[in-house]
Amino acid sequence: MAGHRLRPQGPRPEGRGRQITSRRIGRPPQPELPSRRRRQIIEAAFEVFTANGYEATAISEVAARAGIGQGTVYRYFGSKREILDHVIDLGIEKVTDAMELDTVLGAAGEVGELVAAVRAALDRLWDLLEREPQVLRLLVVEAGAIDPELAHRLLGLEALTASLIAGELTRGREEGWIRPDIDPDVLGHTILTMVGPWIMRELLGAADPGIRERSMTAVIDVLDKTLRPRSAPP
């Protein structure tokens, strides 16, 4: 037909006469990536803080240990101090997991069982000290010296632990297998006070397996005698 250009018949080749929207090809979404990356940074910071000290560690060292860029660290945390808060949480998590406190609380039905469970938990704590002494060194020695807020937080951890012990002592007293005249709250703090100096000896490099065994045996013996009702046989 004059004046008209004939179009070829058949299917139109793609890309001619209309725009083809290309599909973006790349990695699939990873919704768990932010939490995984944060954990990666926290664990790297734990390693360098405990190895070099918090004050002497730069963010660049944390990034290098994590195998990421320094800018990525700041994408997830606003400051080194913010990272430290999470590192302290990780240290506390390591201690509580190692001691397996769930096997102590609510399980005993008489003084001997409770004392044995406490001794087992302390032994697991010593095992952690031997494997990773930097965990408690960070919590007990360094963190408390960084600023008053952290020192107060660690005191809160001691108070929480003492309250858990007090709850177990109260349960035993109410069930009749712990002597009724004890003060669970005072005794909860006292037990931690008896253990604390020996932990400090270990952290300060004065570890001695013989002294450790004697000290723990003495603490457990005092605890056993303190908790038993007057008429109860040993």
Protein backbone atom coordinates (compact mmCIF):
# COMPACT_ATOMS: atom_id res chain seq x y z
CA MET A 1 0.00 0.00 0.00
CA ALA A 2 1.44 3.34 -1.07
CA GLY A 3 2.64 5.65 1.70
CA HIS A 4 2.71 2.89 4.29
CA ARG A 5 5.70 0.84 5.35
CA LEU A 6 4.83 -2.76 5.70
CA ARG A 7 5.84 -4.38 9.01
CA PRO A 8 7.25 -7.88 8.88
CA GLN A 9 4.92 -10.59 9.95
CA GLY A 10 5.60 -12.97 12.83
CA PRO A 11 6.76 -12.44 16.38
CA ARG A 12 8.54 -9.20 17.13
CA PRO A 13 12.16 -9.62 18.20
CA GLU A 14 12.72 -8.67 21.82
CA GLY A 15 14.41 -5.35 22.37
CA ARG A 16 12.95 -3.69 19.27
CA GLY A 17 10.09 -1.27 19.48
CA ARG A 18 9.62 -1.58 23.28
CA GLN A 19 11.75 -1.38 26.40
CA ILE A 20 12.50 -4.61 28.16
CA THR A 21 12.68 -4.29 31.94
CA SER A 22 15.66 -6.26 33.11
CA ARG A 23 15.45 -8.30 36.29
CA ARG A 24 18.12 -7.45 38.82
CA ILE A 25 20.37 -10.37 39.48
CA GLY A 26 22.28 -10.55 42.76
CA ARG A 27 22.35 -12.13 46.21
CA PRO A 28 18.98 -13.14 47.62
CA PRO A 29 17.78 -11.14 50.66
CA GLN A 30 19.38 -12.22 53.94
CA PRO A 31 17.15 -11.01 56.78
CA GLU A 32 19.44 -12.60 59.37
CA LEU A 33 22.53 -10.74 58.11
CA PRO A 34 22.33 -7.71 60.47
CA SER A 35 22.16 -9.84 63.62
CA ARG A 36 24.88 -12.14 62.32
CA ARG A 37 27.11 -9.19 61.45
CA ARG A 38 26.58 -7.60 64.86
CA ARG A 39 27.54 -10.86 66.56
CA GLN A 40 30.63 -11.09 64.35
CA ILE A 41 31.72 -7.59 65.40
CA ILE A 42 31.03 -8.23 69.09
CA GLU A 43 33.02 -11.46 69.11
CA ALA A 44 35.92 -9.78 67.30
CA ALA A 45 35.83 -6.90 69.80
CA PHE A 46 35.81 -9.37 72.68
CA GLU A 47 39.00 -10.93 71.34
CA VAL A 48 40.90 -7.68 70.85
CA PHE A 49 39.60 -5.99 74.03
CA THR A 50 40.71 -8.94 76.15
CA ALA A 51 44.04 -9.25 74.31
CA ASN A 52 45.04 -5.59 74.17
CA GLY A 53 42.80 -3.83 76.68
CA TYR A 54 39.78 -1.70 75.89
CA GLU A 55 41.53 1.67 76.00
CA ALA A 56 44.40 0.54 73.76
CA THR A 57 42.13 -0.94 71.09
CA ALA A 58 41.09 1.03 68.01
CA ILE A 59 37.95 0.41 65.99
CA SER A 60 40.19 -0.41 63.03
CA GLU A 61 41.58 -3.37 65.00
CA VAL A 62 38.07 -4.63 65.71
CA ALA A 63 37.23 -4.34 62.01
CA ALA A 64 40.43 -6.15 61.00
CA ARG A 65 39.75 -9.00 63.42
CA ALA A 66 36.18 -9.30 62.10
CA GLY A 67 37.42 -9.24 58.50
CA ILE A 68 35.30 -6.24 57.52
CA GLY A 69 35.80 -2.55 56.79
CA GLN A 70 35.84 0.04 59.54
CA GLY A 71 32.81 1.74 57.98
CA THR A 72 30.83 -1.48 58.37
CA VAL A 73 31.49 -1.44 62.11
CA TYR A 74 30.03 2.06 62.38
CA ARG A 75 27.02 0.93 60.35
CA TYR A 76 26.03 -1.31 63.28
CA PHE A 77 27.51 0.50 66.30
CA GLY A 78 27.83 4.20 67.03
CA SER A 79 30.98 4.02 69.14
CA LYS A 80 33.58 1.77 70.72
CA ARG A 81 31.88 2.29 74.09
CA GLU A 82 28.60 0.95 72.68
CA ILE A 83 30.43 -2.15 71.45
CA LEU A 84 31.88 -2.63 74.94
CA ASP A 85 28.40 -2.89 76.44
CA HIS A 86 27.69 -5.82 74.14
CA VAL A 87 31.10 -7.35 74.83
CA ILE A 88 30.29 -7.30 78.55
CA ASP A 89 26.99 -9.04 77.76
CA LEU A 90 28.95 -11.69 75.86
CA GLY A 91 31.29 -12.19 78.80
CA ILE A 92 28.38 -12.60 81.20
CA GLU A 93 26.79 -15.05 78.78
CA LYS A 94 29.99 -17.10 78.72
CA VAL A 95 30.12 -17.26 82.53
CA THR A 96 26.49 -18.17 83.04
CA ASP A 97 26.57 -20.77 80.27
CA ALA A 98 29.72 -22.32 81.70
CA MET A 99 28.30 -22.58 85.22
CA GLU A 100 25.02 -24.13 83.99
CA LEU A 101 23.05 -22.44 86.74
CA ASP A 102 19.85 -24.10 85.56
CA THR A 103 21.25 -27.36 86.98
CA VAL A 104 21.62 -25.71 90.39
CA LEU A 105 18.42 -23.73 90.76
CA GLY A 106 15.31 -25.66 91.69
CA ALA A 107 16.88 -29.12 91.41
CA ALA A 108 18.07 -29.93 94.94
CA GLY A 109 15.88 -31.62 97.54
CA GLU A 110 18.32 -31.66 100.44
CA VAL A 111 21.45 -29.85 101.59
CA GLY A 112 23.89 -32.44 100.25
CA GLU A 113 22.42 -32.18 96.75
CA LEU A 114 22.52 -28.38 96.82
CA VAL A 115 26.11 -28.26 98.08
CA ALA A 116 27.21 -30.79 95.44
CA ALA A 117 25.49 -28.75 92.71
CA VAL A 118 27.18 -25.55 93.90
CA ARG A 119 30.57 -27.27 93.95
CA ALA A 120 30.01 -28.59 90.41
CA ALA A 121 29.08 -25.10 89.20
CA LEU A 122 32.23 -23.64 90.79
CA ASP A 123 34.35 -26.36 89.19
CA ARG A 124 32.88 -25.43 85.81
CA LEU A 125 33.76 -21.80 86.53
CA TRP A 126 37.37 -22.80 87.24
CA ASP A 127 37.42 -24.74 83.98
CA LEU A 128 36.34 -21.58 82.16
CA LEU A 129 39.09 -19.64 83.92
CA GLU A 130 41.67 -22.11 82.70
CA ARG A 131 40.35 -22.07 79.12
CA GLU A 132 39.56 -18.38 78.81
CA PRO A 133 41.00 -16.40 81.75
CA GLN A 134 40.40 -13.20 79.80
CA VAL A 135 36.61 -13.57 80.24
CA LEU A 136 36.56 -12.87 83.97
CA ARG A 137 39.54 -10.53 83.73
CA LEU A 138 37.46 -8.34 81.44
CA LEU A 139 34.43 -8.49 83.71
CA VAL A 140 36.07 -8.27 87.11
CA VAL A 141 39.27 -6.28 86.56
CA GLU A 142 39.07 -4.09 83.48
CA ALA A 143 35.39 -3.27 82.95
CA GLY A 144 34.93 -1.89 86.46
CA ALA A 145 37.83 0.50 85.93
CA ILE A 146 36.60 1.93 82.62
CA ASP A 147 33.80 4.07 83.97
CA PRO A 148 31.36 4.22 86.94
CA GLU A 149 28.43 3.03 84.83
CA LEU A 150 30.10 -0.29 84.10
CA ALA A 151 31.22 -0.68 87.70
CA HIS A 152 27.62 -0.16 88.80
CA ARG A 153 26.44 -2.65 86.22
CA LEU A 154 28.82 -5.32 87.51
CA LEU A 155 27.61 -4.68 91.04
CA GLY A 156 24.13 -5.29 89.68
CA LEU A 157 25.31 -8.63 88.30
CA GLU A 158 26.60 -9.59 91.74
CA ALA A 159 23.28 -8.57 93.28
CA LEU A 160 21.35 -10.64 90.73
CA THR A 161 23.50 -13.71 91.38
CA ALA A 162 23.10 -13.28 95.13
CA SER A 163 19.32 -13.01 94.72
CA LEU A 164 19.24 -16.28 92.75
CA ILE A 165 21.16 -18.00 95.55
CA ALA A 166 18.86 -16.42 98.12
CA GLY A 167 15.82 -17.73 96.26
CA GLU A 168 17.20 -21.26 96.35
CA LEU A 169 17.98 -20.94 100.07
CA THR A 170 14.48 -19.64 100.73
CA ARG A 171 12.97 -22.60 98.90
CA GLY A 172 15.01 -25.05 100.96
CA ARG A 173 14.08 -23.29 104.17
CA GLU A 174 10.37 -23.38 103.32
CA GLU A 175 10.60 -27.09 102.42
CA GLY A 176 12.34 -27.83 105.71
CA TRP A 177 15.71 -29.13 104.54
CA ILE A 178 17.59 -25.88 105.26
CA ARG A 179 17.70 -24.56 108.80
CA PRO A 180 14.97 -21.98 109.42
CA ASP A 181 17.08 -19.36 111.21
CA ILE A 182 19.30 -18.35 108.27
CA ASP A 183 18.91 -15.05 106.42
CA PRO A 184 18.84 -16.05 102.71
CA ASP A 185 19.63 -12.54 101.43
CA VAL A 186 22.66 -12.06 103.66
CA LEU A 187 23.90 -15.59 103.04
CA GLY A 188 23.54 -15.19 99.27
CA HIS A 189 26.00 -12.30 99.28
CA THR A 190 28.23 -14.04 101.83
CA ILE A 191 28.69 -17.09 99.59
CA LEU A 192 29.87 -14.86 96.73
CA THR A 193 32.17 -13.01 99.13
CA MET A 194 33.79 -16.29 100.16
CA VAL A 195 34.45 -17.29 96.55
CA GLY A 196 35.48 -13.87 95.20
CA PRO A 197 39.01 -13.58 96.70
CA TRP A 198 40.05 -16.92 95.24
CA ILE A 199 38.81 -15.90 91.81
CA MET A 200 40.85 -12.70 92.08
CA ARG A 201 43.96 -14.72 92.94
CA GLU A 202 43.50 -16.66 89.73
CA LEU A 203 42.94 -13.53 87.65
CA LEU A 204 46.03 -11.85 89.05
CA GLY A 205 48.22 -14.77 88.09
CA ALA A 206 48.50 -16.49 91.46
CA ALA A 207 46.83 -19.69 90.30
CA ASP A 208 47.69 -22.76 92.32
CA PRO A 209 45.58 -25.93 91.88
CA GLY A 210 46.38 -27.10 95.42
CA ILE A 211 45.31 -23.81 97.03
CA ARG A 212 42.25 -23.68 94.79
CA GLU A 213 41.14 -27.15 95.93
CA ARG A 214 41.71 -26.34 99.59
CA SER A 215 39.83 -23.05 99.34
CA MET A 216 36.84 -24.55 97.57
CA THR A 217 36.71 -27.48 99.97
CA ALA A 218 36.69 -25.05 102.90
CA VAL A 219 33.94 -22.91 101.35
CA ILE A 220 31.77 -25.93 100.59
CA ASP A 221 32.33 -27.36 104.07
CA VAL A 222 31.27 -24.08 105.70
CA LEU A 223 28.23 -23.88 103.45
CA ASP A 224 27.20 -27.44 104.26
CA LYS A 225 27.45 -26.92 108.01
CA THR A 226 25.71 -23.55 107.83
CA LEU A 227 22.69 -24.83 105.90
CA ARG A 228 21.90 -28.12 107.63
CA PRO A 229 19.15 -28.10 110.26
CA ARG A 230 20.60 -28.63 113.71
CA SER A 231 19.23 -32.14 114.06
CA ALA A 232 20.08 -33.28 110.51
CA PRO A 233 22.91 -35.84 110.20
CA PRO A 234 25.81 -34.87 107.88
